[in-house]
Amino acid sequence: MTRYSVLLHRQQPEYLAACYAPTGSGIRTTLQAEDACSWVLPETASRVARHISETLGVEVSIKTCAA
């Protein structure tokens, strides 16, 4: 099953590792794709990505990953 993770484009790319709500609670990042949190629906990943981008002022992208 395809899932979707959020990649932050910083000096060194980082994956979003925890985000319990789109309001930003519990945000962490990781360098390891396998430690990234992921979503089943691309729309959910997109909402989170947009929030992270606006809040942190960083470019983001959505990557597909295996479940």
Protein backbone atom coordinates (compact mmCIF):
# COMPACT_ATOMS: atom_id res chain seq x y z
CA MET A 1 0.00 0.00 0.00
CA THR A 2 1.34 3.43 -0.89
CA ARG A 3 1.70 5.96 1.90
CA TYR A 4 2.90 9.56 1.85
CA SER A 5 5.56 11.30 3.92
CA VAL A 6 6.63 14.95 4.13
CA LEU A 7 10.20 15.97 3.28
CA LEU A 8 11.55 19.31 4.51
CA HIS A 9 14.15 20.87 2.21
CA ARG A 10 16.72 22.31 4.60
CA GLN A 11 20.53 22.29 4.38
CA GLN A 12 20.18 18.55 4.87
CA PRO A 13 16.79 17.09 3.85
CA GLU A 14 14.71 16.00 6.85
CA TYR A 15 11.53 13.95 7.05
CA LEU A 16 8.67 14.86 9.32
CA ALA A 17 8.78 12.25 12.07
CA ALA A 18 5.81 13.18 14.26
CA CYS A 19 2.87 15.49 13.83
CA TYR A 20 -0.18 14.57 15.84
CA ALA A 21 -2.41 17.31 14.42
CA PRO A 22 -2.21 19.89 11.64
CA THR A 23 -1.95 22.52 14.39
CA GLY A 24 1.71 21.60 14.79
CA SER A 25 1.69 19.71 18.08
CA GLY A 26 4.47 17.14 18.45
CA ILE A 27 6.60 18.15 15.45
CA ARG A 28 9.92 16.31 15.09
CA THR A 29 12.16 15.56 12.13
CA THR A 30 14.48 12.72 11.15
CA LEU A 31 17.15 12.12 8.54
CA GLN A 32 15.97 8.51 8.08
CA ALA A 33 13.07 7.92 5.68
CA GLU A 34 12.11 4.73 7.52
CA ASP A 35 11.55 6.75 10.73
CA ALA A 36 9.24 9.26 9.06
CA CYS A 37 5.56 9.37 9.83
CA SER A 38 3.28 8.78 6.87
CA TRP A 39 -0.31 9.14 5.79
CA VAL A 40 -2.61 6.92 3.74
CA LEU A 41 -4.27 9.81 1.92
CA PRO A 42 -2.23 12.27 -0.15
CA GLU A 43 -4.71 15.01 0.81
CA THR A 44 -3.83 14.59 4.49
CA ALA A 45 -0.10 14.68 3.77
CA SER A 46 -0.68 17.78 1.65
CA ARG A 47 -2.51 19.61 4.47
CA VAL A 48 0.28 18.78 6.91
CA ALA A 49 2.97 19.76 4.39
CA ARG A 50 1.33 23.13 3.76
CA HIS A 51 1.08 23.82 7.49
CA ILE A 52 4.74 22.88 8.06
CA SER A 53 5.86 25.03 5.14
CA GLU A 54 3.92 28.08 6.34
CA THR A 55 4.84 27.66 10.01
CA LEU A 56 8.55 26.93 9.60
CA GLY A 57 9.12 28.90 6.39
CA VAL A 58 10.72 25.94 4.65
CA GLU A 59 10.09 24.31 1.28
CA VAL A 60 8.55 20.86 1.51
CA SER A 61 7.58 18.03 -0.79
CA ILE A 62 5.51 14.88 -0.44
CA LYS A 63 7.25 11.57 -1.05
CA THR A 64 5.67 8.18 -1.57
CA CYS A 65 6.78 5.35 0.69
CA ALA A 66 5.80 1.74 1.27
CA ALA A 67 3.72 0.75 4.26
